[in-house]
N, C-alpha and C. Protein backbone atom coordinates (compact mmCIF):
# COMPACT_ATOMS: atom_id res chain seq x y z
N MET A 1 12.05 9.71 38.62
CA MET A 1 13.17 10.41 39.22
C MET A 1 12.70 11.52 40.15
N ALA A 2 11.54 12.09 39.87
CA ALA A 2 11.01 13.17 40.72
C ALA A 2 10.79 12.68 42.16
N VAL A 3 10.30 11.45 42.29
CA VAL A 3 10.07 10.88 43.62
C VAL A 3 11.41 10.69 44.34
N LEU A 4 12.40 10.21 43.61
CA LEU A 4 13.72 10.00 44.22
C LEU A 4 14.36 11.33 44.63
N LEU A 5 14.21 12.35 43.81
CA LEU A 5 14.74 13.66 44.17
C LEU A 5 14.02 14.24 45.39
N ALA A 6 12.73 13.98 45.51
CA ALA A 6 11.98 14.41 46.70
C ALA A 6 12.50 13.67 47.93
N LEU A 7 12.76 12.37 47.78
CA LEU A 7 13.36 11.59 48.87
C LEU A 7 14.72 12.16 49.25
N SER A 8 15.52 12.48 48.25
CA SER A 8 16.85 13.06 48.50
C SER A 8 16.74 14.38 49.26
N ARG A 9 15.81 15.23 48.86
CA ARG A 9 15.61 16.51 49.56
C ARG A 9 15.18 16.28 51.01
N ALA A 10 14.34 15.27 51.24
CA ALA A 10 13.89 14.96 52.61
C ALA A 10 15.06 14.47 53.47
N ILE A 11 15.88 13.60 52.90
CA ILE A 11 17.07 13.10 53.63
C ILE A 11 18.01 14.27 53.92
N ASP A 12 18.25 15.11 52.93
CA ASP A 12 19.12 16.27 53.11
C ASP A 12 18.60 17.19 54.22
N ALA A 13 17.29 17.43 54.20
CA ALA A 13 16.69 18.31 55.21
C ALA A 13 16.82 17.70 56.60
N ALA A 14 16.58 16.40 56.71
CA ALA A 14 16.69 15.73 58.01
C ALA A 14 18.13 15.79 58.53
N ASN A 15 19.10 15.45 57.68
CA ASN A 15 20.49 15.47 58.12
C ASN A 15 20.97 16.89 58.40
N SER A 16 20.46 17.86 57.65
CA SER A 16 20.82 19.25 57.91
C SER A 16 20.30 19.69 59.28
N PHE A 17 19.05 19.38 59.56
CA PHE A 17 18.46 19.74 60.86
C PHE A 17 19.20 19.05 62.01
N ILE A 18 19.42 17.75 61.86
CA ILE A 18 20.09 16.97 62.91
C ILE A 18 21.52 17.47 63.11
N GLY A 19 22.24 17.70 62.01
CA GLY A 19 23.62 18.16 62.11
C GLY A 19 23.74 19.50 62.81
N LYS A 20 22.87 20.42 62.46
CA LYS A 20 22.90 21.74 63.10
C LYS A 20 22.51 21.65 64.57
N ALA A 21 21.51 20.82 64.87
CA ALA A 21 21.07 20.67 66.27
C ALA A 21 22.15 20.02 67.12
N ILE A 22 22.77 18.97 66.58
CA ILE A 22 23.75 18.22 67.37
C ILE A 22 25.02 19.03 67.58
N SER A 23 25.27 20.01 66.72
CA SER A 23 26.48 20.82 66.88
C SER A 23 26.48 21.59 68.20
N TRP A 24 25.30 21.81 68.77
CA TRP A 24 25.22 22.49 70.07
C TRP A 24 25.84 21.64 71.19
N PHE A 25 25.95 20.33 70.94
CA PHE A 25 26.57 19.45 71.94
C PHE A 25 28.02 19.83 72.20
N ILE A 26 28.67 20.45 71.22
CA ILE A 26 30.06 20.88 71.42
C ILE A 26 30.10 21.94 72.51
N LEU A 27 29.19 22.89 72.45
CA LEU A 27 29.14 23.93 73.48
C LEU A 27 28.85 23.32 74.85
N VAL A 28 27.90 22.41 74.90
CA VAL A 28 27.57 21.76 76.17
C VAL A 28 28.78 21.01 76.72
N ALA A 29 29.50 20.32 75.86
CA ALA A 29 30.69 19.58 76.30
C ALA A 29 31.77 20.53 76.83
N VAL A 30 31.95 21.66 76.17
CA VAL A 30 32.94 22.64 76.62
C VAL A 30 32.53 23.22 77.98
N LEU A 31 31.25 23.51 78.14
CA LEU A 31 30.77 24.04 79.42
C LEU A 31 30.94 23.01 80.54
N ILE A 32 30.61 21.76 80.27
CA ILE A 32 30.81 20.70 81.27
C ILE A 32 32.29 20.61 81.63
N SER A 33 33.15 20.67 80.63
CA SER A 33 34.59 20.60 80.87
C SER A 33 35.06 21.75 81.75
N ALA A 34 34.59 22.95 81.46
CA ALA A 34 34.99 24.13 82.22
C ALA A 34 34.50 24.04 83.67
N VAL A 35 33.23 23.69 83.85
CA VAL A 35 32.68 23.58 85.21
C VAL A 35 33.39 22.48 85.97
N ASN A 36 33.65 21.36 85.33
CA ASN A 36 34.34 20.26 85.98
C ASN A 36 35.75 20.67 86.40
N ALA A 37 36.45 21.40 85.54
CA ALA A 37 37.81 21.84 85.86
C ALA A 37 37.80 22.83 87.03
N VAL A 38 36.87 23.76 87.01
CA VAL A 38 36.79 24.76 88.09
C VAL A 38 36.44 24.10 89.42
N THR A 39 35.45 23.23 89.43
CA THR A 39 35.07 22.59 90.70
C THR A 39 36.17 21.66 91.20
N ARG A 40 36.90 21.06 90.30
CA ARG A 40 38.01 20.18 90.71
C ARG A 40 39.14 21.00 91.33
N LYS A 41 39.46 22.15 90.74
CA LYS A 41 40.57 22.98 91.24
C LYS A 41 40.19 23.76 92.50
N LEU A 42 38.99 24.31 92.53
CA LEU A 42 38.59 25.15 93.64
C LEU A 42 38.06 24.37 94.84
N PHE A 43 37.32 23.30 94.57
CA PHE A 43 36.65 22.60 95.65
C PHE A 43 37.08 21.14 95.80
N SER A 44 38.03 20.71 95.00
CA SER A 44 38.48 19.31 94.99
C SER A 44 37.31 18.34 94.76
N LEU A 45 36.38 18.76 93.94
CA LEU A 45 35.23 17.93 93.58
C LEU A 45 35.32 17.57 92.10
N SER A 46 35.10 16.32 91.83
CA SER A 46 35.09 15.87 90.44
C SER A 46 34.23 14.62 90.35
N SER A 47 33.84 14.32 89.15
CA SER A 47 33.00 13.16 88.94
C SER A 47 33.34 12.52 87.60
N ASN A 48 33.46 11.21 87.62
CA ASN A 48 33.68 10.50 86.37
C ASN A 48 32.49 10.65 85.43
N ALA A 49 31.32 10.84 86.00
CA ALA A 49 30.12 11.01 85.18
C ALA A 49 30.26 12.26 84.30
N TRP A 50 30.85 13.33 84.82
CA TRP A 50 31.03 14.54 84.02
C TRP A 50 32.02 14.29 82.88
N LEU A 51 33.08 13.57 83.17
CA LEU A 51 34.06 13.24 82.13
C LEU A 51 33.44 12.35 81.06
N GLU A 52 32.66 11.38 81.49
CA GLU A 52 32.00 10.50 80.53
C GLU A 52 30.92 11.23 79.73
N ALA A 53 30.26 12.20 80.36
CA ALA A 53 29.26 12.99 79.64
C ALA A 53 29.91 13.76 78.49
N GLN A 54 31.11 14.28 78.74
CA GLN A 54 31.85 14.96 77.66
C GLN A 54 32.13 13.98 76.52
N TRP A 55 32.57 12.79 76.87
CA TRP A 55 32.88 11.76 75.88
C TRP A 55 31.63 11.41 75.08
N TYR A 56 30.51 11.26 75.75
CA TYR A 56 29.24 10.96 75.08
C TYR A 56 28.87 12.08 74.10
N LEU A 57 29.02 13.32 74.54
CA LEU A 57 28.64 14.45 73.70
C LEU A 57 29.53 14.55 72.46
N PHE A 58 30.83 14.40 72.64
CA PHE A 58 31.73 14.43 71.48
C PHE A 58 31.47 13.25 70.56
N SER A 59 31.17 12.09 71.12
CA SER A 59 30.83 10.92 70.31
C SER A 59 29.57 11.19 69.50
N ALA A 60 28.59 11.81 70.13
CA ALA A 60 27.34 12.12 69.43
C ALA A 60 27.60 13.06 68.26
N VAL A 61 28.41 14.08 68.49
CA VAL A 61 28.71 15.03 67.41
C VAL A 61 29.40 14.32 66.26
N PHE A 62 30.41 13.53 66.58
CA PHE A 62 31.17 12.84 65.54
C PHE A 62 30.31 11.84 64.77
N LEU A 63 29.56 11.02 65.49
CA LEU A 63 28.80 9.95 64.85
C LEU A 63 27.52 10.46 64.19
N ILE A 64 26.73 11.21 64.91
CA ILE A 64 25.41 11.58 64.42
C ILE A 64 25.49 12.67 63.35
N ALA A 65 26.55 13.47 63.36
CA ALA A 65 26.71 14.52 62.34
C ALA A 65 27.48 14.03 61.12
N ALA A 66 27.81 12.76 61.03
CA ALA A 66 28.55 12.25 59.86
C ALA A 66 27.75 12.43 58.57
N GLY A 67 26.45 12.19 58.61
CA GLY A 67 25.61 12.40 57.43
C GLY A 67 25.59 13.87 57.02
N TYR A 68 25.55 14.76 57.98
CA TYR A 68 25.58 16.20 57.73
C TYR A 68 26.91 16.59 57.08
N THR A 69 27.97 15.98 57.55
CA THR A 69 29.30 16.24 56.98
C THR A 69 29.35 15.81 55.52
N LEU A 70 28.81 14.63 55.23
CA LEU A 70 28.76 14.16 53.85
C LEU A 70 27.88 15.06 52.99
N LEU A 71 26.76 15.48 53.52
CA LEU A 71 25.85 16.38 52.80
C LEU A 71 26.58 17.64 52.35
N ASN A 72 27.43 18.17 53.21
CA ASN A 72 28.14 19.42 52.92
C ASN A 72 29.50 19.20 52.28
N ASN A 73 29.78 17.96 51.87
CA ASN A 73 31.02 17.62 51.19
C ASN A 73 32.24 18.06 52.01
N GLU A 74 32.16 17.89 53.32
CA GLU A 74 33.23 18.30 54.23
C GLU A 74 34.03 17.12 54.77
N HIS A 75 33.76 15.92 54.27
CA HIS A 75 34.48 14.76 54.75
C HIS A 75 35.90 14.73 54.15
N VAL A 76 36.76 13.96 54.75
CA VAL A 76 38.15 13.87 54.31
C VAL A 76 38.23 13.04 53.03
N LYS A 77 38.94 13.57 52.06
CA LYS A 77 39.17 12.84 50.82
C LYS A 77 40.68 12.77 50.59
N VAL A 78 41.14 11.63 50.15
CA VAL A 78 42.53 11.49 49.74
C VAL A 78 42.51 11.55 48.22
N ASP A 79 42.96 12.67 47.70
CA ASP A 79 42.85 12.94 46.27
C ASP A 79 44.18 12.68 45.57
N LEU A 80 44.33 11.47 45.05
CA LEU A 80 45.52 11.15 44.28
C LEU A 80 45.26 11.28 42.78
N LEU A 81 44.09 10.84 42.36
CA LEU A 81 43.76 10.83 40.94
C LEU A 81 42.49 11.62 40.63
N TYR A 82 41.61 11.72 41.60
CA TYR A 82 40.27 12.26 41.42
C TYR A 82 40.27 13.62 40.71
N SER A 83 41.13 14.53 41.10
CA SER A 83 41.11 15.88 40.52
C SER A 83 41.52 15.89 39.05
N ARG A 84 42.16 14.84 38.58
CA ARG A 84 42.58 14.76 37.18
C ARG A 84 41.45 14.27 36.26
N TYR A 85 40.39 13.72 36.86
CA TYR A 85 39.29 13.16 36.08
C TYR A 85 38.35 14.26 35.60
N SER A 86 37.64 13.96 34.53
CA SER A 86 36.57 14.86 34.08
C SER A 86 35.48 14.85 35.15
N ARG A 87 34.62 15.85 35.12
CA ARG A 87 33.55 15.92 36.13
C ARG A 87 32.64 14.72 36.01
N ARG A 88 32.36 14.26 34.81
CA ARG A 88 31.51 13.09 34.61
C ARG A 88 32.14 11.85 35.27
N THR A 89 33.43 11.67 35.10
CA THR A 89 34.13 10.53 35.71
C THR A 89 34.13 10.68 37.23
N GLN A 90 34.31 11.89 37.72
CA GLN A 90 34.25 12.13 39.17
C GLN A 90 32.90 11.72 39.73
N LEU A 91 31.83 12.05 39.03
CA LEU A 91 30.50 11.67 39.48
C LEU A 91 30.36 10.16 39.55
N TRP A 92 30.87 9.46 38.54
CA TRP A 92 30.81 7.99 38.55
C TRP A 92 31.66 7.40 39.68
N VAL A 93 32.80 8.00 39.95
CA VAL A 93 33.64 7.54 41.07
C VAL A 93 32.88 7.70 42.37
N GLU A 94 32.19 8.83 42.54
CA GLU A 94 31.41 9.07 43.75
C GLU A 94 30.26 8.07 43.87
N ILE A 95 29.56 7.82 42.78
CA ILE A 95 28.44 6.86 42.81
C ILE A 95 28.94 5.47 43.17
N LEU A 96 29.96 5.00 42.45
CA LEU A 96 30.46 3.65 42.69
C LEU A 96 31.13 3.53 44.06
N GLY A 97 31.84 4.56 44.47
CA GLY A 97 32.46 4.54 45.80
C GLY A 97 31.42 4.46 46.91
N THR A 98 30.33 5.19 46.72
CA THR A 98 29.26 5.15 47.72
C THR A 98 28.59 3.79 47.76
N ILE A 99 28.33 3.23 46.58
CA ILE A 99 27.65 1.93 46.51
C ILE A 99 28.53 0.81 47.06
N PHE A 100 29.80 0.78 46.66
CA PHE A 100 30.65 -0.36 46.96
C PHE A 100 31.51 -0.21 48.22
N PHE A 101 31.64 1.01 48.74
CA PHE A 101 32.45 1.20 49.94
C PHE A 101 31.66 1.78 51.11
N LEU A 102 31.04 2.93 50.90
CA LEU A 102 30.32 3.59 52.00
C LEU A 102 29.14 2.76 52.49
N MET A 103 28.28 2.34 51.56
CA MET A 103 27.06 1.63 51.97
C MET A 103 27.37 0.30 52.68
N PRO A 104 28.25 -0.56 52.13
CA PRO A 104 28.55 -1.79 52.87
C PRO A 104 29.17 -1.52 54.24
N PHE A 105 30.05 -0.52 54.32
CA PHE A 105 30.67 -0.19 55.60
C PHE A 105 29.61 0.23 56.62
N CYS A 106 28.69 1.09 56.19
CA CYS A 106 27.63 1.55 57.10
C CYS A 106 26.74 0.38 57.53
N LEU A 107 26.32 -0.42 56.58
CA LEU A 107 25.40 -1.52 56.90
C LEU A 107 26.05 -2.58 57.78
N ILE A 108 27.31 -2.89 57.53
CA ILE A 108 28.02 -3.86 58.38
C ILE A 108 28.20 -3.30 59.78
N THR A 109 28.52 -2.03 59.88
CA THR A 109 28.69 -1.41 61.21
C THR A 109 27.38 -1.41 61.98
N ILE A 110 26.27 -1.10 61.33
CA ILE A 110 24.96 -1.15 61.99
C ILE A 110 24.67 -2.58 62.44
N TYR A 111 24.89 -3.52 61.56
CA TYR A 111 24.63 -4.94 61.84
C TYR A 111 25.44 -5.42 63.05
N LEU A 112 26.70 -5.03 63.12
CA LEU A 112 27.56 -5.49 64.21
C LEU A 112 27.36 -4.72 65.52
N SER A 113 26.96 -3.46 65.44
CA SER A 113 26.83 -2.66 66.66
C SER A 113 25.47 -2.80 67.32
N TRP A 114 24.43 -3.15 66.56
CA TRP A 114 23.09 -3.25 67.13
C TRP A 114 23.00 -4.28 68.26
N PRO A 115 23.53 -5.50 68.08
CA PRO A 115 23.44 -6.47 69.17
C PRO A 115 24.19 -6.02 70.43
N VAL A 116 25.28 -5.29 70.26
CA VAL A 116 26.01 -4.77 71.42
C VAL A 116 25.15 -3.76 72.16
N PHE A 117 24.51 -2.86 71.40
CA PHE A 117 23.59 -1.90 72.02
C PHE A 117 22.48 -2.63 72.78
N GLU A 118 21.86 -3.63 72.13
CA GLU A 118 20.76 -4.36 72.77
C GLU A 118 21.21 -5.02 74.07
N ALA A 119 22.40 -5.62 74.06
CA ALA A 119 22.91 -6.29 75.26
C ALA A 119 23.16 -5.28 76.38
N LYS A 120 23.73 -4.15 76.04
CA LYS A 120 24.03 -3.13 77.06
C LYS A 120 22.73 -2.52 77.59
N PHE A 121 21.75 -2.35 76.71
CA PHE A 121 20.45 -1.81 77.13
C PHE A 121 19.75 -2.79 78.08
N ALA A 122 19.73 -4.06 77.68
CA ALA A 122 19.04 -5.08 78.47
C ALA A 122 19.69 -5.26 79.85
N SER A 123 21.01 -5.18 79.90
CA SER A 123 21.71 -5.42 81.16
C SER A 123 21.79 -4.17 82.03
N GLY A 124 21.62 -2.99 81.41
CA GLY A 124 21.78 -1.75 82.17
C GLY A 124 23.22 -1.51 82.57
N GLU A 125 24.14 -2.12 81.83
CA GLU A 125 25.56 -2.03 82.16
C GLU A 125 26.02 -0.59 82.27
N THR A 126 26.84 -0.34 83.28
CA THR A 126 27.42 0.99 83.46
C THR A 126 28.93 0.92 83.30
N SER A 127 29.52 2.06 83.19
CA SER A 127 30.97 2.17 83.06
C SER A 127 31.64 1.56 84.29
N ASN A 128 32.85 1.06 84.10
CA ASN A 128 33.61 0.51 85.22
C ASN A 128 34.12 1.59 86.16
N ASN A 129 34.10 2.84 85.71
CA ASN A 129 34.56 3.95 86.55
C ASN A 129 33.55 4.25 87.65
N THR A 130 34.04 4.59 88.81
CA THR A 130 33.17 4.96 89.92
C THR A 130 32.31 6.16 89.51
N GLY A 131 31.01 6.03 89.69
CA GLY A 131 30.10 7.11 89.33
C GLY A 131 29.89 7.23 87.83
N GLY A 132 30.29 6.21 87.07
CA GLY A 132 30.18 6.25 85.62
C GLY A 132 28.74 6.15 85.13
N LEU A 133 28.56 6.45 83.88
CA LEU A 133 27.23 6.46 83.27
C LEU A 133 26.89 5.10 82.67
N VAL A 134 25.60 4.92 82.37
CA VAL A 134 25.18 3.71 81.67
C VAL A 134 25.77 3.75 80.26
N LEU A 135 26.02 2.58 79.69
CA LEU A 135 26.74 2.51 78.42
C LEU A 135 25.85 2.48 77.18
N TRP A 136 24.59 2.06 77.33
CA TRP A 136 23.78 1.88 76.14
C TRP A 136 23.57 3.15 75.31
N PRO A 137 23.48 4.35 75.87
CA PRO A 137 23.25 5.51 75.00
C PRO A 137 24.39 5.74 74.00
N VAL A 138 25.62 5.54 74.45
CA VAL A 138 26.73 5.77 73.53
C VAL A 138 26.79 4.66 72.48
N TRP A 139 26.39 3.46 72.82
CA TRP A 139 26.35 2.38 71.84
C TRP A 139 25.21 2.57 70.86
N LEU A 140 24.13 3.20 71.27
CA LEU A 140 23.01 3.49 70.37
C LEU A 140 23.42 4.52 69.31
N MET A 141 24.34 5.39 69.67
CA MET A 141 24.77 6.41 68.71
C MET A 141 25.44 5.81 67.49
N ILE A 142 26.04 4.65 67.64
CA ILE A 142 26.75 4.04 66.52
C ILE A 142 25.78 3.64 65.40
N PRO A 143 24.75 2.82 65.67
CA PRO A 143 23.84 2.51 64.56
C PRO A 143 23.05 3.72 64.07
N ILE A 144 22.72 4.64 64.95
CA ILE A 144 22.01 5.85 64.50
C ILE A 144 22.90 6.66 63.56
N GLY A 145 24.13 6.90 63.99
CA GLY A 145 25.06 7.69 63.17
C GLY A 145 25.33 7.06 61.82
N PHE A 146 25.59 5.75 61.81
CA PHE A 146 25.85 5.09 60.54
C PHE A 146 24.58 4.94 59.71
N GLY A 147 23.42 4.88 60.36
CA GLY A 147 22.16 4.88 59.62
C GLY A 147 21.95 6.21 58.90
N LEU A 148 22.21 7.31 59.61
CA LEU A 148 22.08 8.63 58.98
C LEU A 148 23.10 8.81 57.87
N LEU A 149 24.30 8.29 58.07
CA LEU A 149 25.33 8.37 57.03
C LEU A 149 24.92 7.56 55.81
N ALA A 150 24.36 6.37 56.01
CA ALA A 150 23.90 5.55 54.89
C ALA A 150 22.76 6.24 54.15
N LEU A 151 21.83 6.83 54.89
CA LEU A 151 20.74 7.57 54.23
C LEU A 151 21.29 8.71 53.39
N GLN A 152 22.28 9.41 53.94
CA GLN A 152 22.87 10.51 53.17
C GLN A 152 23.58 9.97 51.94
N GLY A 153 24.17 8.79 52.07
CA GLY A 153 24.78 8.15 50.91
C GLY A 153 23.76 7.89 49.82
N VAL A 154 22.58 7.42 50.20
CA VAL A 154 21.49 7.21 49.23
C VAL A 154 21.14 8.53 48.55
N SER A 155 21.03 9.59 49.34
CA SER A 155 20.71 10.90 48.79
C SER A 155 21.78 11.36 47.80
N GLU A 156 23.03 11.13 48.15
CA GLU A 156 24.13 11.56 47.27
C GLU A 156 24.13 10.78 45.97
N ILE A 157 23.82 9.49 46.02
CA ILE A 157 23.71 8.68 44.80
C ILE A 157 22.61 9.24 43.90
N ILE A 158 21.45 9.51 44.49
CA ILE A 158 20.33 10.06 43.72
C ILE A 158 20.73 11.37 43.05
N LYS A 159 21.38 12.25 43.80
CA LYS A 159 21.77 13.55 43.24
C LYS A 159 22.81 13.40 42.13
N ARG A 160 23.77 12.50 42.30
CA ARG A 160 24.80 12.31 41.27
C ARG A 160 24.19 11.76 39.98
N ILE A 161 23.26 10.83 40.11
CA ILE A 161 22.58 10.29 38.93
C ILE A 161 21.75 11.39 38.25
N ALA A 162 21.07 12.20 39.04
CA ALA A 162 20.28 13.29 38.48
C ALA A 162 21.17 14.31 37.78
N ILE A 163 22.34 14.57 38.31
CA ILE A 163 23.29 15.49 37.65
C ILE A 163 23.73 14.90 36.31
N LEU A 164 24.06 13.60 36.31
CA LEU A 164 24.47 12.94 35.07
C LEU A 164 23.37 12.99 34.01
N GLN A 165 22.12 12.93 34.45
CA GLN A 165 20.98 12.98 33.53
C GLN A 165 20.58 14.41 33.16
N GLY A 166 21.24 15.39 33.79
CA GLY A 166 20.92 16.79 33.50
C GLY A 166 19.65 17.28 34.16
N ARG A 167 19.16 16.58 35.17
CA ARG A 167 17.91 16.95 35.84
C ARG A 167 18.10 18.01 36.91
N ILE A 168 19.30 18.08 37.51
CA ILE A 168 19.60 19.12 38.50
C ILE A 168 20.98 19.69 38.17
N PRO A 169 21.22 20.94 38.58
CA PRO A 169 22.54 21.53 38.29
C PRO A 169 23.61 20.90 39.18
N ASP A 170 24.83 20.91 38.68
CA ASP A 170 25.97 20.40 39.43
C ASP A 170 26.61 21.58 40.16
N LYS A 171 26.36 21.67 41.46
CA LYS A 171 26.88 22.79 42.25
C LYS A 171 28.40 22.80 42.28
N VAL A 172 29.02 21.62 42.32
CA VAL A 172 30.49 21.55 42.36
C VAL A 172 31.07 22.08 41.06
N ALA A 173 30.51 21.69 39.91
CA ALA A 173 30.99 22.18 38.63
C ALA A 173 30.78 23.69 38.53
N GLY A 174 29.68 24.18 39.09
CA GLY A 174 29.42 25.62 39.11
C GLY A 174 30.46 26.37 39.91
N GLU A 175 30.87 25.80 41.05
CA GLU A 175 31.90 26.42 41.87
C GLU A 175 33.24 26.42 41.15
N ASP A 176 33.56 25.33 40.44
CA ASP A 176 34.81 25.26 39.70
C ASP A 176 34.85 26.30 38.59
N ALA A 177 33.73 26.47 37.89
CA ALA A 177 33.66 27.45 36.80
C ALA A 177 33.85 28.87 37.35
N GLU A 178 33.23 29.16 38.51
CA GLU A 178 33.38 30.47 39.13
C GLU A 178 34.82 30.72 39.54
N ALA A 179 35.49 29.71 40.09
CA ALA A 179 36.89 29.85 40.53
C ALA A 179 37.80 30.11 39.33
N GLU A 180 37.55 29.41 38.21
CA GLU A 180 38.36 29.63 37.01
C GLU A 180 38.17 31.00 36.43
N ALA A 181 36.96 31.57 36.54
CA ALA A 181 36.66 32.89 36.02
C ALA A 181 37.39 33.98 36.78
N LEU A 182 37.68 33.73 38.07
CA LEU A 182 38.38 34.72 38.88
C LEU A 182 39.83 34.71 38.52
């Protein structure tokens, strides 16, 4: 289990670094948007490439930071029954949900998006918009993003099993206990 926990820490560190780094793309996208708006209004100059660059940047943030979002437990959950379960049952729901839903979804998405990326890369296809950008970089983000999300899923499974075995503390249970004490 020590080796698996070391792997989990490495995955967490990688997704944390990538997530924090990629978040700067939001600022870059906002700056591109502002410059594009100003040049369009003041000088009647605009470019589809600038609009597509914004789309690429937002896509990168959404896709590539998905693993970081899972790491920080910030993803959307629809909680109908989960909060009524004991913490042990919640951990099992998370483990089984990751194994049977998240992992297959990620792997199928990687499997289906990779050939599209390869075709766009090989052809050098560009956007249909005048002055548009090449398409392969945005298609590459899909398998990378889902790959990072799948890796984070592996890390989360390892951590949940370690919590069940009492090898690491349960941070969520610790937060709940602190909230009840207040």
